[in-house]
């Protein structure tokens, strides 16, 4: 790479390298990778194929991976930085014909608890405004609020 500056030739050496993965996890026969591409840009890949680009969160964190019969489900937490709802969650499912990515969900609390019953995963958390708790159920590629 070179550039002309005020009649002088300035030569900068170095190579442009791809971003290094922040996390690599083996989920069965599948490799899940989380890579920080740039500020507010995190990419989730399955077997080196990008399946989700988060371009809204300050930080996308891997919460955990859960085995559900013949599939794996990875739970991610996105820290949005917003005062009204600082945290949301998202699920990436692998092991089927193609990876599935859920819509963002959650009560804006970061205190998630996960339970698994057969091929159903439930994520429960308190509701910061108004008290009580809420839950979202993930089954067969779909996320839905269950309470």
N, C-alpha and C. Protein backbone atom coordinates (compact mmCIF):
# COMPACT_ATOMS: atom_id res chain seq x y z
N UNK A 1 0.86 -1.16 0.00
CA UNK A 1 0.00 0.00 0.00
C UNK A 1 0.91 1.22 0.00
N UNK A 2 0.64 2.22 -0.85
CA UNK A 2 1.42 3.45 -0.84
C UNK A 2 0.51 4.64 -1.10
N UNK A 3 0.99 5.79 -0.67
CA UNK A 3 0.19 7.01 -0.86
C UNK A 3 1.14 8.17 -1.05
N UNK A 4 0.74 9.15 -1.88
CA UNK A 4 1.54 10.35 -2.08
C UNK A 4 1.10 11.41 -1.10
N UNK A 5 2.06 12.00 -0.39
CA UNK A 5 1.75 13.03 0.59
C UNK A 5 2.67 14.22 0.32
N UNK A 6 2.11 15.37 -0.02
CA UNK A 6 2.85 16.63 -0.22
C UNK A 6 4.07 16.44 -1.09
N UNK A 7 3.90 15.75 -2.20
CA UNK A 7 5.00 15.58 -3.14
C UNK A 7 5.99 14.50 -2.75
N UNK A 8 5.84 13.87 -1.62
CA UNK A 8 6.72 12.79 -1.19
C UNK A 8 6.01 11.46 -1.37
N UNK A 9 6.77 10.43 -1.49
CA UNK A 9 6.21 9.10 -1.58
C UNK A 9 6.35 8.45 -0.21
N UNK A 10 5.23 8.06 0.36
CA UNK A 10 5.22 7.39 1.66
C UNK A 10 4.83 5.95 1.41
N UNK A 11 5.66 5.05 1.88
CA UNK A 11 5.37 3.63 1.69
C UNK A 11 5.07 3.01 3.04
N UNK A 12 3.90 2.39 3.13
CA UNK A 12 3.51 1.70 4.35
C UNK A 12 3.54 0.21 4.06
N UNK A 13 4.19 -0.54 4.91
CA UNK A 13 4.24 -1.99 4.70
C UNK A 13 3.32 -2.65 5.71
N UNK A 14 3.01 -3.85 5.43
CA UNK A 14 2.10 -4.60 6.29
C UNK A 14 1.04 -5.24 5.43
N UNK A 15 0.42 -6.23 5.99
CA UNK A 15 -0.62 -6.92 5.23
C UNK A 15 -1.96 -6.77 5.92
N UNK A 16 -2.97 -6.82 5.12
CA UNK A 16 -4.32 -6.78 5.66
C UNK A 16 -4.68 -8.22 6.00
N UNK A 17 -5.04 -8.45 7.26
CA UNK A 17 -5.36 -9.81 7.69
C UNK A 17 -6.84 -9.90 8.03
N UNK A 18 -7.35 -11.08 7.85
CA UNK A 18 -8.74 -11.33 8.23
C UNK A 18 -8.83 -11.29 9.75
N UNK A 19 -9.98 -10.91 10.24
CA UNK A 19 -10.20 -10.86 11.69
C UNK A 19 -10.08 -12.27 12.27
N UNK A 20 -9.46 -12.35 13.43
CA UNK A 20 -9.29 -13.63 14.12
C UNK A 20 -10.56 -13.95 14.91
N UNK A 21 -11.00 -15.20 14.92
CA UNK A 21 -12.17 -15.57 15.71
C UNK A 21 -11.95 -15.30 17.19
N UNK A 22 -13.00 -14.81 17.85
CA UNK A 22 -12.98 -14.61 19.29
C UNK A 22 -13.36 -15.91 20.00
N UNK A 23 -14.17 -16.73 19.34
CA UNK A 23 -14.64 -17.99 19.92
C UNK A 23 -14.81 -19.02 18.83
N UNK A 24 -14.36 -20.23 19.11
CA UNK A 24 -14.63 -21.38 18.25
C UNK A 24 -15.13 -22.49 19.16
N UNK A 25 -16.27 -23.08 18.81
CA UNK A 25 -16.84 -24.14 19.62
C UNK A 25 -17.27 -25.29 18.72
N UNK A 26 -16.91 -26.50 19.11
CA UNK A 26 -17.35 -27.69 18.39
C UNK A 26 -18.68 -28.13 18.97
N UNK A 27 -19.70 -28.12 18.15
CA UNK A 27 -21.03 -28.57 18.55
C UNK A 27 -21.34 -29.81 17.73
N UNK A 28 -21.08 -30.97 18.31
CA UNK A 28 -21.20 -32.21 17.54
C UNK A 28 -20.16 -32.20 16.44
N UNK A 29 -20.58 -32.40 15.20
CA UNK A 29 -19.67 -32.39 14.04
C UNK A 29 -19.58 -31.03 13.38
N UNK A 30 -20.08 -30.00 14.04
CA UNK A 30 -20.15 -28.65 13.48
C UNK A 30 -19.27 -27.71 14.29
N UNK A 31 -18.63 -26.76 13.61
CA UNK A 31 -17.82 -25.76 14.29
C UNK A 31 -18.53 -24.41 14.19
N UNK A 32 -18.81 -23.83 15.35
CA UNK A 32 -19.43 -22.51 15.46
C UNK A 32 -18.32 -21.51 15.75
N UNK A 33 -18.28 -20.41 15.01
CA UNK A 33 -17.23 -19.41 15.16
C UNK A 33 -17.86 -18.04 15.35
N UNK A 34 -17.32 -17.26 16.31
CA UNK A 34 -17.75 -15.89 16.54
C UNK A 34 -16.54 -15.00 16.26
N UNK A 35 -16.70 -14.05 15.33
CA UNK A 35 -15.61 -13.18 14.92
C UNK A 35 -16.04 -11.72 15.00
N UNK A 36 -15.23 -10.90 15.66
CA UNK A 36 -15.48 -9.46 15.69
C UNK A 36 -14.88 -8.87 14.42
N UNK A 37 -15.74 -8.42 13.52
CA UNK A 37 -15.30 -7.87 12.24
C UNK A 37 -14.87 -6.42 12.41
N UNK A 38 -15.59 -5.68 13.23
CA UNK A 38 -15.30 -4.27 13.47
C UNK A 38 -16.18 -3.78 14.59
N UNK A 39 -16.13 -2.48 14.90
CA UNK A 39 -17.01 -1.95 15.94
C UNK A 39 -18.48 -2.21 15.57
N UNK A 40 -19.22 -2.73 16.51
CA UNK A 40 -20.63 -3.06 16.32
C UNK A 40 -20.84 -3.97 15.11
N UNK A 41 -19.95 -4.90 14.88
CA UNK A 41 -20.12 -5.88 13.81
C UNK A 41 -19.47 -7.20 14.23
N UNK A 42 -20.32 -8.14 14.62
CA UNK A 42 -19.88 -9.48 14.99
C UNK A 42 -20.54 -10.47 14.06
N UNK A 43 -19.74 -11.42 13.58
CA UNK A 43 -20.25 -12.41 12.65
C UNK A 43 -20.22 -13.79 13.30
N UNK A 44 -21.34 -14.53 13.16
CA UNK A 44 -21.42 -15.91 13.63
C UNK A 44 -21.41 -16.80 12.40
N UNK A 45 -20.50 -17.76 12.39
CA UNK A 45 -20.38 -18.68 11.26
C UNK A 45 -20.53 -20.11 11.72
N UNK A 46 -21.05 -20.94 10.84
CA UNK A 46 -21.16 -22.38 11.07
C UNK A 46 -20.36 -23.06 9.97
N UNK A 47 -19.34 -23.82 10.38
CA UNK A 47 -18.45 -24.48 9.42
C UNK A 47 -17.95 -23.50 8.36
N UNK A 48 -17.50 -22.34 8.81
CA UNK A 48 -16.90 -21.29 8.01
C UNK A 48 -17.88 -20.54 7.10
N UNK A 49 -19.18 -20.85 7.20
CA UNK A 49 -20.19 -20.14 6.42
C UNK A 49 -20.92 -19.16 7.33
N UNK A 50 -20.87 -17.86 7.04
CA UNK A 50 -21.58 -16.88 7.88
C UNK A 50 -23.09 -17.16 7.89
N UNK A 51 -23.67 -17.16 9.10
CA UNK A 51 -25.11 -17.38 9.23
C UNK A 51 -25.81 -16.18 9.86
N UNK A 52 -25.04 -15.29 10.51
CA UNK A 52 -25.64 -14.15 11.18
C UNK A 52 -24.60 -13.05 11.35
N UNK A 53 -24.96 -11.83 10.97
CA UNK A 53 -24.12 -10.65 11.19
C UNK A 53 -24.86 -9.73 12.15
N UNK A 54 -24.31 -9.52 13.33
CA UNK A 54 -24.88 -8.60 14.30
C UNK A 54 -24.19 -7.25 14.11
N UNK A 55 -24.95 -6.27 13.62
CA UNK A 55 -24.40 -4.94 13.37
C UNK A 55 -25.05 -3.89 14.25
N UNK A 56 -25.76 -4.35 15.31
CA UNK A 56 -26.47 -3.42 16.18
C UNK A 56 -25.95 -3.42 17.61
N UNK A 57 -25.41 -4.52 18.07
CA UNK A 57 -25.01 -4.66 19.47
C UNK A 57 -23.62 -4.10 19.73
N UNK A 58 -23.44 -3.62 20.97
CA UNK A 58 -22.11 -3.24 21.40
C UNK A 58 -21.24 -4.48 21.56
N UNK A 59 -21.87 -5.59 22.00
CA UNK A 59 -21.13 -6.84 22.21
C UNK A 59 -22.09 -8.01 22.06
N UNK A 60 -21.70 -9.03 21.32
CA UNK A 60 -22.45 -10.27 21.20
C UNK A 60 -21.67 -11.33 21.96
N UNK A 61 -22.31 -11.92 22.97
CA UNK A 61 -21.64 -12.91 23.82
C UNK A 61 -22.27 -14.28 23.67
N UNK A 62 -21.44 -15.29 23.74
CA UNK A 62 -21.88 -16.68 23.70
C UNK A 62 -22.27 -17.06 25.13
N UNK A 63 -23.53 -17.45 25.35
CA UNK A 63 -24.01 -17.83 26.67
C UNK A 63 -23.75 -19.31 26.92
N UNK A 64 -24.13 -20.16 25.96
CA UNK A 64 -23.92 -21.59 26.13
C UNK A 64 -24.46 -22.36 24.95
N UNK A 65 -24.12 -23.66 24.92
CA UNK A 65 -24.58 -24.57 23.88
C UNK A 65 -25.31 -25.72 24.56
N UNK A 66 -26.40 -26.15 23.94
CA UNK A 66 -27.26 -27.15 24.56
C UNK A 66 -27.60 -28.22 23.52
N UNK A 67 -27.45 -29.46 23.92
CA UNK A 67 -27.75 -30.59 23.04
C UNK A 67 -29.23 -30.92 23.15
N UNK A 68 -29.88 -31.00 21.99
CA UNK A 68 -31.30 -31.34 21.93
C UNK A 68 -31.48 -32.45 20.90
N UNK A 69 -31.51 -33.69 21.38
CA UNK A 69 -31.63 -34.87 20.53
C UNK A 69 -30.52 -34.86 19.48
N UNK A 70 -30.85 -34.69 18.20
CA UNK A 70 -29.85 -34.76 17.13
C UNK A 70 -29.36 -33.38 16.68
N UNK A 71 -29.65 -32.34 17.48
CA UNK A 71 -29.26 -30.98 17.11
C UNK A 71 -28.56 -30.30 18.29
N UNK A 72 -27.91 -29.19 17.98
CA UNK A 72 -27.32 -28.33 19.00
C UNK A 72 -27.92 -26.94 18.87
N UNK A 73 -28.11 -26.30 20.01
CA UNK A 73 -28.64 -24.95 20.05
C UNK A 73 -27.64 -24.09 20.83
N UNK A 74 -27.22 -22.98 20.23
CA UNK A 74 -26.32 -22.03 20.89
C UNK A 74 -27.12 -20.79 21.24
N UNK A 75 -26.96 -20.32 22.49
CA UNK A 75 -27.66 -19.13 22.95
C UNK A 75 -26.66 -17.98 23.00
N UNK A 76 -27.06 -16.84 22.41
CA UNK A 76 -26.23 -15.65 22.39
C UNK A 76 -26.95 -14.51 23.08
N UNK A 77 -26.17 -13.66 23.74
CA UNK A 77 -26.69 -12.46 24.39
C UNK A 77 -26.09 -11.25 23.71
N UNK A 78 -26.95 -10.33 23.28
CA UNK A 78 -26.45 -9.10 22.67
C UNK A 78 -26.66 -7.95 23.65
N UNK A 79 -25.58 -7.24 23.91
CA UNK A 79 -25.63 -6.06 24.76
C UNK A 79 -25.79 -4.87 23.84
N UNK A 80 -26.98 -4.28 23.88
CA UNK A 80 -27.32 -3.24 22.92
C UNK A 80 -26.81 -1.86 23.30
N UNK A 81 -26.57 -1.65 24.61
CA UNK A 81 -26.15 -0.33 25.06
C UNK A 81 -27.31 0.63 25.24
N UNK A 82 -28.52 0.19 24.89
CA UNK A 82 -29.70 1.05 25.04
C UNK A 82 -30.17 1.04 26.49
N UNK A 83 -30.56 2.21 26.99
CA UNK A 83 -31.02 2.30 28.38
C UNK A 83 -32.36 1.59 28.58
N UNK A 84 -33.24 1.68 27.60
CA UNK A 84 -34.57 1.08 27.77
C UNK A 84 -34.56 -0.44 27.65
N UNK A 85 -33.63 -1.03 26.92
CA UNK A 85 -33.54 -2.49 26.79
C UNK A 85 -32.10 -2.88 26.45
N UNK A 86 -31.27 -3.01 27.50
CA UNK A 86 -29.85 -3.23 27.26
C UNK A 86 -29.45 -4.63 26.79
N UNK A 87 -30.35 -5.61 26.90
CA UNK A 87 -29.98 -6.98 26.57
C UNK A 87 -31.09 -7.70 25.82
N UNK A 88 -30.68 -8.42 24.77
CA UNK A 88 -31.59 -9.29 24.02
C UNK A 88 -30.86 -10.60 23.78
N UNK A 89 -31.59 -11.64 23.42
CA UNK A 89 -31.01 -12.95 23.17
C UNK A 89 -31.36 -13.42 21.77
N UNK A 90 -30.59 -14.38 21.28
CA UNK A 90 -30.81 -14.96 19.97
C UNK A 90 -30.30 -16.40 20.02
N UNK A 91 -30.95 -17.28 19.27
CA UNK A 91 -30.57 -18.69 19.21
C UNK A 91 -30.08 -19.03 17.82
N UNK A 92 -29.01 -19.82 17.75
CA UNK A 92 -28.53 -20.40 16.49
C UNK A 92 -28.60 -21.91 16.66
N UNK A 93 -29.34 -22.57 15.78
CA UNK A 93 -29.49 -24.02 15.82
C UNK A 93 -28.67 -24.65 14.71
N UNK A 94 -27.90 -25.68 15.05
CA UNK A 94 -27.10 -26.40 14.06
C UNK A 94 -27.39 -27.89 14.16
N UNK A 95 -27.11 -28.60 13.09
CA UNK A 95 -27.30 -30.04 13.09
C UNK A 95 -28.39 -30.50 12.14
N UNK A 96 -29.25 -29.58 11.72
CA UNK A 96 -30.28 -29.92 10.74
C UNK A 96 -29.73 -29.75 9.34
N UNK A 97 -30.63 -29.61 8.38
CA UNK A 97 -30.20 -29.45 6.99
C UNK A 97 -29.47 -28.14 6.76
N UNK A 98 -29.86 -27.09 7.52
CA UNK A 98 -29.15 -25.82 7.45
C UNK A 98 -29.28 -25.14 8.81
N UNK A 99 -28.32 -24.28 9.17
CA UNK A 99 -28.42 -23.56 10.45
C UNK A 99 -29.64 -22.65 10.47
N UNK A 100 -30.25 -22.54 11.65
CA UNK A 100 -31.40 -21.66 11.84
C UNK A 100 -31.03 -20.59 12.86
N UNK A 101 -31.49 -19.37 12.63
CA UNK A 101 -31.21 -18.25 13.53
C UNK A 101 -32.56 -17.65 13.96
N UNK A 102 -32.76 -17.52 15.28
CA UNK A 102 -34.02 -16.97 15.78
C UNK A 102 -34.03 -15.45 15.69
N UNK A 103 -35.23 -14.92 15.83
CA UNK A 103 -35.38 -13.48 16.00
C UNK A 103 -34.88 -13.12 17.40
N UNK A 104 -34.49 -11.87 17.63
CA UNK A 104 -34.10 -11.46 18.98
C UNK A 104 -35.30 -11.56 19.92
N UNK A 105 -35.02 -11.93 21.16
CA UNK A 105 -36.09 -12.06 22.15
C UNK A 105 -35.54 -11.73 23.54
N UNK A 106 -36.44 -11.58 24.49
CA UNK A 106 -36.06 -11.37 25.88
C UNK A 106 -36.81 -10.23 26.52
N UNK A 107 -36.70 -10.15 27.85
CA UNK A 107 -37.40 -9.12 28.62
C UNK A 107 -36.50 -7.93 28.92
N UNK A 108 -35.33 -7.89 28.32
CA UNK A 108 -34.33 -6.85 28.53
C UNK A 108 -33.47 -7.12 29.76
N UNK A 109 -33.66 -8.27 30.41
CA UNK A 109 -32.85 -8.69 31.55
C UNK A 109 -31.72 -9.59 31.05
N UNK A 110 -30.59 -9.54 31.75
CA UNK A 110 -29.48 -10.42 31.37
C UNK A 110 -29.42 -11.67 32.26
N UNK A 111 -30.42 -11.87 33.11
CA UNK A 111 -30.45 -12.99 34.05
C UNK A 111 -31.24 -14.17 33.48
N UNK A 112 -30.76 -14.75 32.40
CA UNK A 112 -31.47 -15.84 31.73
C UNK A 112 -31.16 -17.18 32.38
N UNK A 113 -32.18 -18.01 32.46
CA UNK A 113 -32.04 -19.39 32.93
C UNK A 113 -32.59 -20.29 31.84
N UNK A 114 -31.84 -21.36 31.53
CA UNK A 114 -32.20 -22.25 30.43
C UNK A 114 -32.61 -23.61 30.98
N UNK A 115 -33.72 -24.14 30.44
CA UNK A 115 -34.13 -25.51 30.74
C UNK A 115 -34.42 -26.21 29.42
N UNK A 116 -34.19 -27.52 29.41
CA UNK A 116 -34.43 -28.32 28.21
C UNK A 116 -35.34 -29.48 28.58
N UNK A 117 -36.35 -29.69 27.74
CA UNK A 117 -37.26 -30.81 27.91
C UNK A 117 -37.42 -31.45 26.53
N UNK A 118 -36.72 -32.56 26.30
CA UNK A 118 -36.77 -33.22 25.00
C UNK A 118 -36.18 -32.36 23.92
N UNK A 119 -36.98 -31.95 22.95
CA UNK A 119 -36.49 -31.10 21.86
C UNK A 119 -36.98 -29.66 22.00
N UNK A 120 -37.27 -29.26 23.25
CA UNK A 120 -37.73 -27.90 23.53
C UNK A 120 -36.79 -27.23 24.51
N UNK A 121 -36.34 -26.04 24.18
CA UNK A 121 -35.49 -25.24 25.05
C UNK A 121 -36.30 -24.03 25.52
N UNK A 122 -36.28 -23.77 26.82
CA UNK A 122 -36.99 -22.62 27.38
C UNK A 122 -35.99 -21.69 28.05
N UNK A 123 -36.07 -20.41 27.73
CA UNK A 123 -35.23 -19.39 28.33
C UNK A 123 -36.14 -18.50 29.18
N UNK A 124 -35.89 -18.50 30.49
CA UNK A 124 -36.69 -17.71 31.44
C UNK A 124 -35.84 -16.60 32.01
N UNK A 125 -36.51 -15.48 32.33
CA UNK A 125 -35.80 -14.35 32.92
C UNK A 125 -36.79 -13.41 33.59
N UNK A 126 -36.31 -12.61 34.54
CA UNK A 126 -37.21 -11.65 35.16
C UNK A 126 -37.59 -10.54 34.18
N UNK A 127 -38.71 -9.90 34.48
CA UNK A 127 -39.14 -8.73 33.71
C UNK A 127 -38.77 -7.51 34.54
N UNK A 128 -37.77 -6.72 34.11
CA UNK A 128 -37.31 -5.58 34.91
C UNK A 128 -38.42 -4.57 35.21
N UNK A 129 -39.23 -4.25 34.23
CA UNK A 129 -40.31 -3.28 34.43
C UNK A 129 -41.58 -4.05 34.78
N UNK A 130 -42.08 -3.85 35.97
CA UNK A 130 -43.33 -4.50 36.34
C UNK A 130 -43.16 -5.77 37.15
N UNK A 131 -41.95 -6.28 37.24
CA UNK A 131 -41.70 -7.49 38.03
C UNK A 131 -42.22 -8.75 37.36
N UNK A 132 -42.18 -9.83 38.10
CA UNK A 132 -42.58 -11.13 37.55
C UNK A 132 -41.48 -11.70 36.68
N UNK A 133 -41.86 -12.71 35.91
CA UNK A 133 -40.89 -13.29 35.01
C UNK A 133 -41.55 -13.61 33.68
N UNK A 134 -40.73 -13.87 32.68
CA UNK A 134 -41.17 -14.18 31.33
C UNK A 134 -40.36 -15.36 30.82
N UNK A 135 -40.90 -16.04 29.81
CA UNK A 135 -40.18 -17.18 29.24
C UNK A 135 -40.44 -17.24 27.74
N UNK A 136 -39.43 -17.71 27.02
CA UNK A 136 -39.52 -17.94 25.58
C UNK A 136 -39.16 -19.38 25.34
N UNK A 137 -39.93 -20.05 24.48
CA UNK A 137 -39.72 -21.45 24.18
C UNK A 137 -39.25 -21.59 22.74
N UNK A 138 -38.18 -22.37 22.54
CA UNK A 138 -37.65 -22.62 21.21
C UNK A 138 -37.85 -24.10 20.89
N UNK A 139 -38.54 -24.36 19.79
CA UNK A 139 -38.79 -25.74 19.36
C UNK A 139 -38.99 -25.76 17.86
N UNK A 140 -38.40 -26.72 17.21
CA UNK A 140 -38.57 -26.93 15.77
C UNK A 140 -38.30 -25.67 14.96
N UNK A 141 -37.26 -24.93 15.34
CA UNK A 141 -36.84 -23.76 14.58
C UNK A 141 -37.61 -22.49 14.87
N UNK A 142 -38.48 -22.49 15.86
CA UNK A 142 -39.29 -21.31 16.15
C UNK A 142 -39.17 -20.91 17.61
N UNK A 143 -39.13 -19.59 17.83
CA UNK A 143 -39.11 -19.03 19.19
C UNK A 143 -40.45 -18.36 19.42
N UNK A 144 -41.02 -18.58 20.62
CA UNK A 144 -42.31 -17.96 20.95
C UNK A 144 -42.34 -17.68 22.44
N UNK A 145 -42.97 -16.59 22.81
CA UNK A 145 -43.12 -16.27 24.23
C UNK A 145 -44.13 -17.24 24.82
N UNK A 146 -43.76 -17.88 25.92
CA UNK A 146 -44.63 -18.86 26.54
C UNK A 146 -45.22 -18.37 27.86
N UNK A 147 -44.67 -17.31 28.43
CA UNK A 147 -45.29 -16.65 29.61
C UNK A 147 -44.73 -15.28 29.79
